[in-house]
Amino acid sequence: MRKALLIALAMLMICCSGVEKNGTVPNVKVSEMPYLKQVVIMNVGGDYKAVLFFEFPNPCHKIRLKEVSFQGKDVTISLEYTPPKPGTYCIQVLKRENITVDLGRLAEGEYTVFVKVNGSVVKVLKFRV
C-alpha cells in the first residue's frame, strides 16, 4: 500500500517538483538494461527520492539495491541483477518492480545520478535542487 501511494505521488510530483529532464554526461559509456523502464527523481517534503521502474518478462528475474554512494554532487545507485538460471521453468507473465531509493535532504545545486547494474552504468540523469 505504501509503495502504491509513493508511486502515485511520484507521478503527481513529476510535473511540479522543479526537477529537470534527463541530461547527458559526456565520456560516460552507458550500457543497455532493457528492463529498466524509467527513473524518476522527486522531492517529497524536502527529502529527495529516486524511484526506479523495472519490467521483467517473468518473476524469475531478480533485482536488488546494493548501495547508494555520494561523491560531491554525483550520486551512484548500484543494483545487482540476477537473470533466471539456464533450464529454469518460470511462468511467462510480466513482473513489474519498483525500487525507491532515499537520497535524503540535498544541498542546492545540480546533481548527476548514475544507475549501475552489475557494475555497468545503465542510466545517467541530471537534476537540480
C-alpha atoms as a PDB file:
ATOM      1  CA  MET A   1       0.000   0.000   0.000  1.00  0.00           C
ATOM      2  CA  ARG A   2       2.818   2.368   0.915  1.00  0.00           C
ATOM      3  CA  LYS A   3       4.628   1.617  -2.362  1.00  0.00           C
ATOM      4  CA  ALA A   4       1.477   2.288  -4.369  1.00  0.00           C
ATOM      5  CA  LEU A   5       0.998   5.608  -2.600  1.00  0.00           C
ATOM      6  CA  LEU A   6       4.631   6.555  -3.225  1.00  0.00           C
ATOM      7  CA  ILE A   7       4.347   5.676  -6.922  1.00  0.00           C
ATOM      8  CA  ALA A   8       1.159   7.714  -7.279  1.00  0.00           C
ATOM      9  CA  LEU A   9       2.863  10.598  -5.516  1.00  0.00           C
ATOM     10  CA  ALA A  10       5.864  10.237  -7.859  1.00  0.00           C
ATOM     11  CA  MET A  11       3.680  10.541 -10.916  1.00  0.00           C
ATOM     12  CA  LEU A  12       1.945  13.592  -9.469  1.00  0.00           C
ATOM     13  CA  MET A  13       5.220  15.242  -8.490  1.00  0.00           C
ATOM     14  CA  ILE A  14       6.910  14.785 -11.882  1.00  0.00           C
ATOM     15  CA  CYS A  15       5.304  17.905 -13.267  1.00  0.00           C
ATOM     16  CA  CYS A  16       5.566  20.102 -10.200  1.00  0.00           C
ATOM     17  CA  SER A  17       8.812  19.158  -8.445  1.00  0.00           C
ATOM     18  CA  GLY A  18      11.117  21.511 -10.343  1.00  0.00           C
ATOM     19  CA  VAL A  19      13.318  18.607 -11.443  1.00  0.00           C
ATOM     20  CA  GLU A  20      14.854  18.975 -14.883  1.00  0.00           C
ATOM     21  CA  LYS A  21      14.567  16.378 -17.623  1.00  0.00           C
ATOM     22  CA  ASN A  22      17.304  13.789 -18.029  1.00  0.00           C
ATOM     23  CA  GLY A  23      20.616  15.241 -19.098  1.00  0.00           C
ATOM     24  CA  THR A  24      23.594  13.622 -20.701  1.00  0.00           C
ATOM     25  CA  VAL A  25      27.097  13.379 -19.333  1.00  0.00           C
ATOM     26  CA  PRO A  26      29.974  13.252 -21.798  1.00  0.00           C
ATOM     27  CA  ASN A  27      32.587  10.472 -21.610  1.00  0.00           C
ATOM     28  CA  VAL A  28      30.347   8.011 -19.748  1.00  0.00           C
ATOM     29  CA  LYS A  29      29.697   4.709 -21.502  1.00  0.00           C
ATOM     30  CA  VAL A  30      26.098   3.734 -20.873  1.00  0.00           C
ATOM     31  CA  SER A  31      25.275   0.042 -21.212  1.00  0.00           C
ATOM     32  CA  GLU A  32      21.846  -1.254 -22.091  1.00  0.00           C
ATOM     33  CA  MET A  33      19.411  -2.558 -19.471  1.00  0.00           C
ATOM     34  CA  PRO A  34      16.136  -3.209 -21.340  1.00  0.00           C
ATOM     35  CA  TYR A  35      14.231  -3.980 -18.144  1.00  0.00           C
ATOM     36  CA  LEU A  36      14.831  -0.527 -16.615  1.00  0.00           C
ATOM     37  CA  LYS A  37      11.893   1.470 -17.945  1.00  0.00           C
ATOM     38  CA  GLN A  38      12.181   4.790 -16.101  1.00  0.00           C
ATOM     39  CA  VAL A  39      13.972   6.632 -13.297  1.00  0.00           C
ATOM     40  CA  VAL A  40      12.168   9.464 -11.540  1.00  0.00           C
ATOM     41  CA  ILE A  41      13.755  11.886  -9.070  1.00  0.00           C
ATOM     42  CA  MET A  42      11.286  13.645  -6.813  1.00  0.00           C
ATOM     43  CA  ASN A  43      11.139  15.969  -3.850  1.00  0.00           C
ATOM     44  CA  VAL A  44       8.883  14.700  -1.067  1.00  0.00           C
ATOM     45  CA  GLY A  45       8.676  17.193   1.776  1.00  0.00           C
ATOM     46  CA  GLY A  46      12.279  18.332   1.344  1.00  0.00           C
ATOM     47  CA  ASP A  47      13.701  14.807   1.032  1.00  0.00           C
ATOM     48  CA  TYR A  48      14.735  13.593  -2.411  1.00  0.00           C
ATOM     49  CA  LYS A  49      13.928  10.107  -3.629  1.00  0.00           C
ATOM     50  CA  ALA A  50      14.806   8.168  -6.761  1.00  0.00           C
ATOM     51  CA  VAL A  51      12.213   5.686  -7.987  1.00  0.00           C
ATOM     52  CA  LEU A  52      13.423   3.076 -10.479  1.00  0.00           C
ATOM     53  CA  PHE A  53      10.760   1.280 -12.517  1.00  0.00           C
ATOM     54  CA  PHE A  54      11.552  -2.192 -13.899  1.00  0.00           C
ATOM     55  CA  GLU A  55       9.527  -4.558 -16.078  1.00  0.00           C
ATOM     56  CA  PHE A  56      10.751  -8.145 -16.345  1.00  0.00           C
ATOM     57  CA  PRO A  57       9.400 -10.852 -18.699  1.00  0.00           C
ATOM     58  CA  ASN A  58       8.828 -13.215 -15.758  1.00  0.00           C
ATOM     59  CA  PRO A  59       9.186 -13.370 -11.956  1.00  0.00           C
ATOM     60  CA  CYS A  60      12.409 -15.418 -12.119  1.00  0.00           C
ATOM     61  CA  HIS A  61      14.415 -12.223 -12.811  1.00  0.00           C
ATOM     62  CA  LYS A  62      15.738 -10.645  -9.594  1.00  0.00           C
ATOM     63  CA  ILE A  63      16.957  -7.108  -8.876  1.00  0.00           C
ATOM     64  CA  ARG A  64      18.133  -5.684  -5.571  1.00  0.00           C
ATOM     65  CA  LEU A  65      19.675  -2.485  -4.278  1.00  0.00           C
ATOM     66  CA  LYS A  66      23.319  -2.955  -3.274  1.00  0.00           C
ATOM     67  CA  GLU A  67      24.319   0.554  -2.250  1.00  0.00           C
ATOM     68  CA  VAL A  68      23.936   4.277  -2.748  1.00  0.00           C
ATOM     69  CA  SER A  69      27.057   6.416  -2.693  1.00  0.00           C
ATOM     70  CA  PHE A  70      27.665  10.149  -2.911  1.00  0.00           C
ATOM     71  CA  GLN A  71      30.796  11.805  -4.260  1.00  0.00           C
ATOM     72  CA  GLY A  72      30.252  15.541  -4.242  1.00  0.00           C
ATOM     73  CA  LYS A  73      27.201  16.161  -6.450  1.00  0.00           C
ATOM     74  CA  ASP A  74      27.435  12.706  -8.084  1.00  0.00           C
ATOM     75  CA  VAL A  75      25.073  10.016  -6.799  1.00  0.00           C
ATOM     76  CA  THR A  76      25.660   6.373  -7.715  1.00  0.00           C
ATOM     77  CA  ILE A  77      22.848   3.870  -7.239  1.00  0.00           C
ATOM     78  CA  SER A  78      24.254   0.342  -7.522  1.00  0.00           C
ATOM     79  CA  LEU A  79      21.982  -2.611  -8.185  1.00  0.00           C
ATOM     80  CA  GLU A  80      22.517  -6.335  -8.555  1.00  0.00           C
ATOM     81  CA  TYR A  81      20.570  -8.125 -11.301  1.00  0.00           C
ATOM     82  CA  THR A  82      20.256 -11.905 -11.436  1.00  0.00           C
ATOM     83  CA  PRO A  83      18.697 -13.497 -14.530  1.00  0.00           C
ATOM     84  CA  PRO A  84      16.993 -16.898 -14.307  1.00  0.00           C
ATOM     85  CA  LYS A  85      19.345 -19.862 -14.263  1.00  0.00           C
ATOM     86  CA  PRO A  86      19.510 -21.774 -17.576  1.00  0.00           C
ATOM     87  CA  GLY A  87      16.914 -24.527 -17.703  1.00  0.00           C
ATOM     88  CA  THR A  88      14.710 -22.877 -15.068  1.00  0.00           C
ATOM     89  CA  TYR A  89      10.995 -23.079 -15.750  1.00  0.00           C
ATOM     90  CA  CYS A  90       9.155 -19.889 -14.990  1.00  0.00           C
ATOM     91  CA  ILE A  91       5.671 -18.630 -15.715  1.00  0.00           C
ATOM     92  CA  GLN A  92       5.733 -16.108 -18.559  1.00  0.00           C
ATOM     93  CA  VAL A  93       3.968 -13.157 -17.016  1.00  0.00           C
ATOM     94  CA  LEU A  94       5.232  -9.582 -16.761  1.00  0.00           C
ATOM     95  CA  LYS A  95       6.707  -8.699 -13.398  1.00  0.00           C
ATOM     96  CA  ARG A  96       6.807  -5.006 -12.597  1.00  0.00           C
ATOM     97  CA  GLU A  97       9.092  -3.974  -9.778  1.00  0.00           C
ATOM     98  CA  ASN A  98       9.914  -0.575  -8.327  1.00  0.00           C
ATOM     99  CA  ILE A  99      12.870   0.307  -6.165  1.00  0.00           C
ATOM    100  CA  THR A 100      12.683   3.508  -4.130  1.00  0.00           C
ATOM    101  CA  VAL A 101      15.991   4.996  -3.009  1.00  0.00           C
ATOM    102  CA  ASP A 102      16.037   7.682  -0.322  1.00  0.00           C
ATOM    103  CA  LEU A 103      18.609  10.332  -1.246  1.00  0.00           C
ATOM    104  CA  GLY A 104      17.804  12.477   1.801  1.00  0.00           C
ATOM    105  CA  ARG A 105      17.996  16.257   2.025  1.00  0.00           C
ATOM    106  CA  LEU A 106      20.279  17.663  -0.637  1.00  0.00           C
ATOM    107  CA  ALA A 107      22.083  20.985  -0.793  1.00  0.00           C
ATOM    108  CA  GLU A 108      21.198  23.338  -3.620  1.00  0.00           C
ATOM    109  CA  GLY A 109      22.906  22.633  -6.922  1.00  0.00           C
ATOM    110  CA  GLU A 110      22.953  20.347  -9.959  1.00  0.00           C
ATOM    111  CA  TYR A 111      23.306  16.620  -9.302  1.00  0.00           C
ATOM    112  CA  THR A 112      24.165  13.731 -11.601  1.00  0.00           C
ATOM    113  CA  VAL A 113      22.720  10.303 -10.873  1.00  0.00           C
ATOM    114  CA  PHE A 114      24.463   7.203 -12.199  1.00  0.00           C
ATOM    115  CA  VAL A 115      22.437   3.995 -12.090  1.00  0.00           C
ATOM    116  CA  LYS A 116      24.698   0.945 -12.194  1.00  0.00           C
ATOM    117  CA  VAL A 117      23.576  -2.635 -12.698  1.00  0.00           C
ATOM    118  CA  ASN A 118      26.185  -5.315 -12.019  1.00  0.00           C
ATOM    119  CA  GLY A 119      28.901  -2.646 -12.196  1.00  0.00           C
ATOM    120  CA  SER A 120      27.897  -1.118 -15.556  1.00  0.00           C
ATOM    121  CA  VAL A 121      26.299   2.316 -15.894  1.00  0.00           C
ATOM    122  CA  VAL A 122      22.836   1.848 -17.463  1.00  0.00           C
ATOM    123  CA  LYS A 123      21.318   5.282 -16.878  1.00  0.00           C
ATOM    124  CA  VAL A 124      22.653   8.793 -16.314  1.00  0.00           C
ATOM    125  CA  LEU A 125      20.455  11.720 -15.462  1.00  0.00           C
ATOM    126  CA  LYS A 126      20.831  15.210 -14.094  1.00  0.00           C
ATOM    127  CA  PHE A 127      18.551  17.164 -11.826  1.00  0.00           C
ATOM    128  CA  ARG A 128      18.648  20.450  -9.995  1.00  0.00           C
ATOM    129  CA  VAL A 129      17.785  21.066  -6.353  1.00  0.00           C
END
